[in-house]
């Protein structure tokens, strides 16, 4: 289980401790250690590619040709 020190994780910590599990917490700000950050980076990359490929088409279809930059 990957957890930070968010207040709502205290109940989870208490429950797991009662059942003999040991928790290791991430430092207060450590996006490089959090596995979900890799997925967010992928999503941002894919979104960027979509924007570059489709935004001019979207503006054109909406009649906003003055916003299209070459």
PDB file of N, CA and C in Angstrom:
ATOM      1  N   UNK A   1       0.858  -1.175   0.000  1.00  0.00           N
ATOM      2  CA  UNK A   1       0.000   0.000   0.000  1.00  0.00           C
ATOM      3  C   UNK A   1       0.895   1.226   0.000  1.00  0.00           C
ATOM      4  N   UNK A   2       0.614   2.141  -0.911  1.00  0.00           N
ATOM      5  CA  UNK A   2       1.352   3.400  -0.956  1.00  0.00           C
ATOM      6  C   UNK A   2       0.467   4.469  -0.356  1.00  0.00           C
ATOM      7  N   UNK A   3       0.966   5.110   0.684  1.00  0.00           N
ATOM      8  CA  UNK A   3       0.188   6.160   1.341  1.00  0.00           C
ATOM      9  C   UNK A   3       1.113   7.322   1.662  1.00  0.00           C
ATOM     10  N   UNK A   4       0.520   8.489   1.719  1.00  0.00           N
ATOM     11  CA  UNK A   4       1.254   9.632   2.232  1.00  0.00           C
ATOM     12  C   UNK A   4       0.702   9.908   3.633  1.00  0.00           C
ATOM     13  N   UNK A   5       0.960  11.052   4.169  1.00  0.00           N
ATOM     14  CA  UNK A   5       0.506  11.342   5.530  1.00  0.00           C
ATOM     15  C   UNK A   5      -0.791  12.136   5.550  1.00  0.00           C
ATOM     16  N   UNK A   6      -1.654  11.915   4.582  1.00  0.00           N
ATOM     17  CA  UNK A   6      -2.948  12.594   4.564  1.00  0.00           C
ATOM     18  C   UNK A   6      -3.753  12.176   5.791  1.00  0.00           C
ATOM     19  N   UNK A   7      -4.533  13.107   6.301  1.00  0.00           N
ATOM     20  CA  UNK A   7      -5.262  12.837   7.544  1.00  0.00           C
ATOM     21  C   UNK A   7      -6.213  11.648   7.419  1.00  0.00           C
ATOM     22  N   UNK A   8      -6.812  11.445   6.250  1.00  0.00           N
ATOM     23  CA  UNK A   8      -7.749  10.327   6.100  1.00  0.00           C
ATOM     24  C   UNK A   8      -7.052   8.977   6.059  1.00  0.00           C
ATOM     25  N   UNK A   9      -5.732   8.947   5.974  1.00  0.00           N
ATOM     26  CA  UNK A   9      -5.001   7.679   6.003  1.00  0.00           C
ATOM     27  C   UNK A   9      -4.769   7.183   7.430  1.00  0.00           C
ATOM     28  N   UNK A  10      -5.049   8.011   8.420  1.00  0.00           N
ATOM     29  CA  UNK A  10      -4.806   7.606   9.810  1.00  0.00           C
ATOM     30  C   UNK A  10      -5.660   6.399  10.202  1.00  0.00           C
ATOM     31  N   UNK A  11      -6.908   6.343   9.747  1.00  0.00           N
ATOM     32  CA  UNK A  11      -7.757   5.180  10.053  1.00  0.00           C
ATOM     33  C   UNK A  11      -7.201   3.921   9.397  1.00  0.00           C
ATOM     34  N   UNK A  12      -6.736   4.061   8.182  1.00  0.00           N
ATOM     35  CA  UNK A  12      -6.153   2.911   7.479  1.00  0.00           C
ATOM     36  C   UNK A  12      -4.924   2.426   8.241  1.00  0.00           C
ATOM     37  N   UNK A  13      -4.093   3.368   8.669  1.00  0.00           N
ATOM     38  CA  UNK A  13      -2.891   3.018   9.432  1.00  0.00           C
ATOM     39  C   UNK A  13      -3.271   2.265  10.701  1.00  0.00           C
ATOM     40  N   UNK A  14      -4.258   2.766  11.412  1.00  0.00           N
ATOM     41  CA  UNK A  14      -4.694   2.131  12.652  1.00  0.00           C
ATOM     42  C   UNK A  14      -5.194   0.710  12.393  1.00  0.00           C
ATOM     43  N   UNK A  15      -6.001   0.546  11.372  1.00  0.00           N
ATOM     44  CA  UNK A  15      -6.545  -0.770  11.030  1.00  0.00           C
ATOM     45  C   UNK A  15      -5.431  -1.752  10.671  1.00  0.00           C
ATOM     46  N   UNK A  16      -4.513  -1.317   9.830  1.00  0.00           N
ATOM     47  CA  UNK A  16      -3.430  -2.210   9.414  1.00  0.00           C
ATOM     48  C   UNK A  16      -2.502  -2.558  10.573  1.00  0.00           C
ATOM     49  N   UNK A  17      -2.219  -1.585  11.433  1.00  0.00           N
ATOM     50  CA  UNK A  17      -1.377  -1.861  12.601  1.00  0.00           C
ATOM     51  C   UNK A  17      -2.016  -2.902  13.511  1.00  0.00           C
ATOM     52  N   UNK A  18      -3.329  -2.823  13.689  1.00  0.00           N
ATOM     53  CA  UNK A  18      -4.032  -3.802  14.535  1.00  0.00           C
ATOM     54  C   UNK A  18      -3.903  -5.221  13.980  1.00  0.00           C
ATOM     55  N   UNK A  19      -3.717  -5.332  12.680  1.00  0.00           N
ATOM     56  CA  UNK A  19      -3.605  -6.655  12.055  1.00  0.00           C
ATOM     57  C   UNK A  19      -2.155  -7.052  11.783  1.00  0.00           C
ATOM     58  N   UNK A  20      -1.225  -6.328  12.400  1.00  0.00           N
ATOM     59  CA  UNK A  20       0.174  -6.714  12.344  1.00  0.00           C
ATOM     60  C   UNK A  20       0.952  -6.272  11.114  1.00  0.00           C
ATOM     61  N   UNK A  21       0.413  -5.351  10.358  1.00  0.00           N
ATOM     62  CA  UNK A  21       1.118  -4.862   9.172  1.00  0.00           C
ATOM     63  C   UNK A  21       1.933  -3.625   9.517  1.00  0.00           C
ATOM     64  N   UNK A  22       3.061  -3.500   8.877  1.00  0.00           N
ATOM     65  CA  UNK A  22       3.934  -2.340   9.076  1.00  0.00           C
ATOM     66  C   UNK A  22       3.836  -1.451   7.848  1.00  0.00           C
ATOM     67  N   UNK A  23       3.660  -0.173   8.051  1.00  0.00           N
ATOM     68  CA  UNK A  23       3.525   0.766   6.942  1.00  0.00           C
ATOM     69  C   UNK A  23       4.777   1.600   6.785  1.00  0.00           C
ATOM     70  N   UNK A  24       5.119   1.864   5.550  1.00  0.00           N
ATOM     71  CA  UNK A  24       6.202   2.785   5.235  1.00  0.00           C
ATOM     72  C   UNK A  24       5.583   3.933   4.458  1.00  0.00           C
ATOM     73  N   UNK A  25       5.741   5.135   4.967  1.00  0.00           N
ATOM     74  CA  UNK A  25       5.135   6.295   4.338  1.00  0.00           C
ATOM     75  C   UNK A  25       6.109   6.975   3.391  1.00  0.00           C
ATOM     76  N   UNK A  26       5.553   7.562   2.353  1.00  0.00           N
ATOM     77  CA  UNK A  26       6.343   8.379   1.443  1.00  0.00           C
ATOM     78  C   UNK A  26       6.718   9.678   2.137  1.00  0.00           C
ATOM     79  N   UNK A  27       7.811  10.297   1.741  1.00  0.00           N
ATOM     80  CA  UNK A  27       8.098  11.640   2.244  1.00  0.00           C
ATOM     81  C   UNK A  27       6.950  12.574   1.867  1.00  0.00           C
ATOM     82  N   UNK A  28       6.876  13.727   2.502  1.00  0.00           N
ATOM     83  CA  UNK A  28       5.732  14.614   2.310  1.00  0.00           C
ATOM     84  C   UNK A  28       5.522  15.020   0.859  1.00  0.00           C
ATOM     85  N   UNK A  29       6.564  15.204   0.085  1.00  0.00           N
ATOM     86  CA  UNK A  29       6.393  15.494  -1.337  1.00  0.00           C
ATOM     87  C   UNK A  29       7.400  14.661  -2.100  1.00  0.00           C
ATOM     88  N   UNK A  30       6.923  13.607  -2.730  1.00  0.00           N
ATOM     89  CA  UNK A  30       7.826  12.705  -3.443  1.00  0.00           C
ATOM     90  C   UNK A  30       7.135  12.114  -4.666  1.00  0.00           C
ATOM     91  N   UNK A  31       6.781  12.937  -5.651  1.00  0.00           N
ATOM     92  CA  UNK A  31       6.070  12.408  -6.816  1.00  0.00           C
ATOM     93  C   UNK A  31       6.864  11.349  -7.575  1.00  0.00           C
ATOM     94  N   UNK A  32       8.180  11.412  -7.505  1.00  0.00           N
ATOM     95  CA  UNK A  32       9.000  10.421  -8.205  1.00  0.00           C
ATOM     96  C   UNK A  32       8.874   9.031  -7.588  1.00  0.00           C
ATOM     97  N   UNK A  33       8.434   8.946  -6.331  1.00  0.00           N
ATOM     98  CA  UNK A  33       8.274   7.653  -5.670  1.00  0.00           C
ATOM     99  C   UNK A  33       6.850   7.122  -5.758  1.00  0.00           C
ATOM    100  N   UNK A  34       5.925   7.938  -6.207  1.00  0.00           N
ATOM    101  CA  UNK A  34       4.525   7.549  -6.248  1.00  0.00           C
ATOM    102  C   UNK A  34       4.203   6.960  -7.623  1.00  0.00           C
ATOM    103  N   UNK A  35       3.834   5.678  -7.697  1.00  0.00           N
ATOM    104  CA  UNK A  35       3.613   5.021  -8.987  1.00  0.00           C
ATOM    105  C   UNK A  35       2.554   5.703  -9.859  1.00  0.00           C
ATOM    106  N   UNK A  36       1.549   6.325  -9.272  1.00  0.00           N
ATOM    107  CA  UNK A  36       0.496   6.941 -10.072  1.00  0.00           C
ATOM    108  C   UNK A  36       1.032   8.116 -10.883  1.00  0.00           C
ATOM    109  N   UNK A  37       2.113   8.725 -10.426  1.00  0.00           N
ATOM    110  CA  UNK A  37       2.667   9.873 -11.151  1.00  0.00           C
ATOM    111  C   UNK A  37       3.143   9.481 -12.549  1.00  0.00           C
ATOM    112  N   UNK A  38       3.605   8.248 -12.707  1.00  0.00           N
ATOM    113  CA  UNK A  38       4.019   7.782 -14.041  1.00  0.00           C
ATOM    114  C   UNK A  38       2.815   7.724 -14.979  1.00  0.00           C
ATOM    115  N   UNK A  39       1.679   7.288 -14.456  1.00  0.00           N
ATOM    116  CA  UNK A  39       0.461   7.229 -15.270  1.00  0.00           C
ATOM    117  C   UNK A  39      -0.030   8.634 -15.605  1.00  0.00           C
ATOM    118  N   UNK A  40       0.060   9.577 -14.648  1.00  0.00           N
ATOM    119  CA  UNK A  40      -0.328  10.964 -14.934  1.00  0.00           C
ATOM    120  C   UNK A  40       0.567  11.540 -16.025  1.00  0.00           C
ATOM    121  N   UNK A  41       1.846  11.231 -15.974  1.00  0.00           N
ATOM    122  CA  UNK A  41       2.771  11.731 -17.001  1.00  0.00           C
ATOM    123  C   UNK A  41       2.384  11.177 -18.375  1.00  0.00           C
ATOM    124  N   UNK A  42       2.016   9.889 -18.425  1.00  0.00           N
ATOM    125  CA  UNK A  42       1.573   9.292 -19.688  1.00  0.00           C
ATOM    126  C   UNK A  42       0.318   9.985 -20.200  1.00  0.00           C
ATOM    127  N   UNK A  43      -0.636  10.214 -19.310  1.00  0.00           N
ATOM    128  CA  UNK A  43      -1.892  10.857 -19.710  1.00  0.00           C
ATOM    129  C   UNK A  43      -1.632  12.261 -20.240  1.00  0.00           C
ATOM    130  N   UNK A  44      -0.762  13.005 -19.575  1.00  0.00           N
ATOM    131  CA  UNK A  44      -0.437  14.361 -20.031  1.00  0.00           C
ATOM    132  C   UNK A  44       0.241  14.327 -21.396  1.00  0.00           C
ATOM    133  N   UNK A  45       1.120  13.360 -21.598  1.00  0.00           N
ATOM    134  CA  UNK A  45       1.803  13.230 -22.884  1.00  0.00           C
ATOM    135  C   UNK A  45       0.803  12.923 -23.999  1.00  0.00           C
ATOM    136  N   UNK A  46      -0.103  11.983 -23.736  1.00  0.00           N
ATOM    137  CA  UNK A  46      -1.107  11.627 -24.738  1.00  0.00           C
ATOM    138  C   UNK A  46      -2.030  12.799 -25.027  1.00  0.00           C
ATOM    139  N   UNK A  47      -2.408  13.527 -23.979  1.00  0.00           N
ATOM    140  CA  UNK A  47      -3.275  14.690 -24.160  1.00  0.00           C
ATOM    141  C   UNK A  47      -2.573  15.750 -24.993  1.00  0.00           C
ATOM    142  N   UNK A  48      -1.290  15.945 -24.755  1.00  0.00           N
ATOM    143  CA  UNK A  48      -0.533  16.938 -25.514  1.00  0.00           C
ATOM    144  C   UNK A  48      -0.532  16.574 -26.996  1.00  0.00           C
ATOM    145  N   UNK A  49      -0.310  15.312 -27.307  1.00  0.00           N
ATOM    146  CA  UNK A  49      -0.337  14.865 -28.695  1.00  0.00           C
ATOM    147  C   UNK A  49      -1.696  15.077 -29.331  1.00  0.00           C
ATOM    148  N   UNK A  50      -2.753  14.817 -28.554  1.00  0.00           N
ATOM    149  CA  UNK A  50      -4.095  15.027 -29.078  1.00  0.00           C
ATOM    150  C   UNK A  50      -4.319  16.498 -29.380  1.00  0.00           C
ATOM    151  N   UNK A  51      -3.904  17.354 -28.467  1.00  0.00           N
ATOM    152  CA  UNK A  51      -4.101  18.793 -28.651  1.00  0.00           C
ATOM    153  C   UNK A  51      -3.377  19.272 -29.899  1.00  0.00           C
ATOM    154  N   UNK A  52      -2.140  18.849 -30.090  1.00  0.00           N
ATOM    155  CA  UNK A  52      -1.360  19.293 -31.246  1.00  0.00           C
ATOM    156  C   UNK A  52      -1.991  18.837 -32.554  1.00  0.00           C
ATOM    157  N   UNK A  53      -2.565  17.634 -32.549  1.00  0.00           N
ATOM    158  CA  UNK A  53      -3.131  17.075 -33.775  1.00  0.00           C
ATOM    159  C   UNK A  53      -4.565  17.515 -34.038  1.00  0.00           C
ATOM    160  N   UNK A  54      -5.337  17.761 -33.005  1.00  0.00           N
ATOM    161  CA  UNK A  54      -6.770  17.973 -33.178  1.00  0.00           C
ATOM    162  C   UNK A  54      -7.272  19.377 -32.889  1.00  0.00           C
ATOM    163  N   UNK A  55      -6.516  20.177 -32.167  1.00  0.00           N
ATOM    164  CA  UNK A  55      -6.998  21.507 -31.815  1.00  0.00           C
ATOM    165  C   UNK A  55      -7.251  22.384 -33.037  1.00  0.00           C
ATOM    166  N   UNK A  56      -6.353  22.428 -34.030  1.00  0.00           N
ATOM    167  CA  UNK A  56      -6.659  23.229 -35.226  1.00  0.00           C
ATOM    168  C   UNK A  56      -7.938  22.762 -35.928  1.00  0.00           C
ATOM    169  N   UNK A  57      -8.154  21.433 -35.993  1.00  0.00           N
ATOM    170  CA  UNK A  57      -9.377  20.897 -36.608  1.00  0.00           C
ATOM    171  C   UNK A  57     -10.606  21.329 -35.813  1.00  0.00           C
ATOM    172  N   UNK A  58     -10.492  21.277 -34.499  1.00  0.00           N
ATOM    173  CA  UNK A  58     -11.605  21.668 -33.638  1.00  0.00           C
ATOM    174  C   UNK A  58     -11.959  23.132 -33.856  1.00  0.00           C
ATOM    175  N   UNK A  59     -10.949  24.002 -33.849  1.00  0.00           N
ATOM    176  CA  UNK A  59     -11.201  25.426 -34.082  1.00  0.00           C
ATOM    177  C   UNK A  59     -11.815  25.648 -35.461  1.00  0.00           C
ATOM    178  N   UNK A  60     -11.303  24.947 -36.466  1.00  0.00           N
ATOM    179  CA  UNK A  60     -11.828  25.103 -37.825  1.00  0.00           C
ATOM    180  C   UNK A  60     -13.303  24.693 -37.884  1.00  0.00           C
ATOM    181  N   UNK A  61     -13.619  23.555 -37.277  1.00  0.00           N
ATOM    182  CA  UNK A  61     -14.996  23.060 -37.292  1.00  0.00           C
ATOM    183  C   UNK A  61     -15.945  23.968 -36.520  1.00  0.00           C
ATOM    184  N   UNK A  62     -15.416  24.701 -35.556  1.00  0.00           N
ATOM    185  CA  UNK A  62     -16.248  25.626 -34.782  1.00  0.00           C
ATOM    186  C   UNK A  62     -16.320  27.000 -35.439  1.00  0.00           C
ATOM    187  N   UNK A  63     -15.620  27.169 -36.545  1.00  0.00           N
ATOM    188  CA  UNK A  63     -15.629  28.465 -37.211  1.00  0.00           C
ATOM    189  C   UNK A  63     -14.710  29.480 -36.572  1.00  0.00           C
ATOM    190  N   UNK A  64     -13.730  29.021 -35.847  1.00  0.00           N
ATOM    191  CA  UNK A  64     -12.793  29.910 -35.155  1.00  0.00           C
ATOM    192  C   UNK A  64     -11.469  29.952 -35.902  1.00  0.00           C
ATOM    193  N   UNK A  65     -11.503  30.161 -37.191  1.00  0.00           N
ATOM    194  CA  UNK A  65     -10.279  30.088 -37.986  1.00  0.00           C
ATOM    195  C   UNK A  65      -9.267  31.154 -37.603  1.00  0.00           C
ATOM    196  N   UNK A  66      -9.705  32.245 -36.988  1.00  0.00           N
ATOM    197  CA  UNK A  66      -8.754  33.291 -36.608  1.00  0.00           C
ATOM    198  C   UNK A  66      -7.832  32.843 -35.481  1.00  0.00           C
ATOM    199  N   UNK A  67      -8.182  31.756 -34.780  1.00  0.00           N
ATOM    200  CA  UNK A  67      -7.350  31.263 -33.686  1.00  0.00           C
ATOM    201  C   UNK A  67      -6.309  30.259 -34.147  1.00  0.00           C
ATOM    202  N   UNK A  68      -6.391  29.804 -35.380  1.00  0.00           N
ATOM    203  CA  UNK A  68      -5.463  28.785 -35.879  1.00  0.00           C
ATOM    204  C   UNK A  68      -4.146  29.450 -36.258  1.00  0.00           C
ATOM    205  N   UNK A  69      -3.085  28.978 -35.642  1.00  0.00           N
ATOM    206  CA  UNK A  69      -1.748  29.510 -35.909  1.00  0.00           C
ATOM    207  C   UNK A  69      -0.941  28.470 -36.656  1.00  0.00           C
ATOM    208  N   UNK A  70      -0.181  28.916 -37.620  1.00  0.00           N
ATOM    209  CA  UNK A  70       0.690  27.985 -38.349  1.00  0.00           C
ATOM    210  C   UNK A  70       2.064  27.966 -37.734  1.00  0.00           C
TER     211      UNK A  70
END
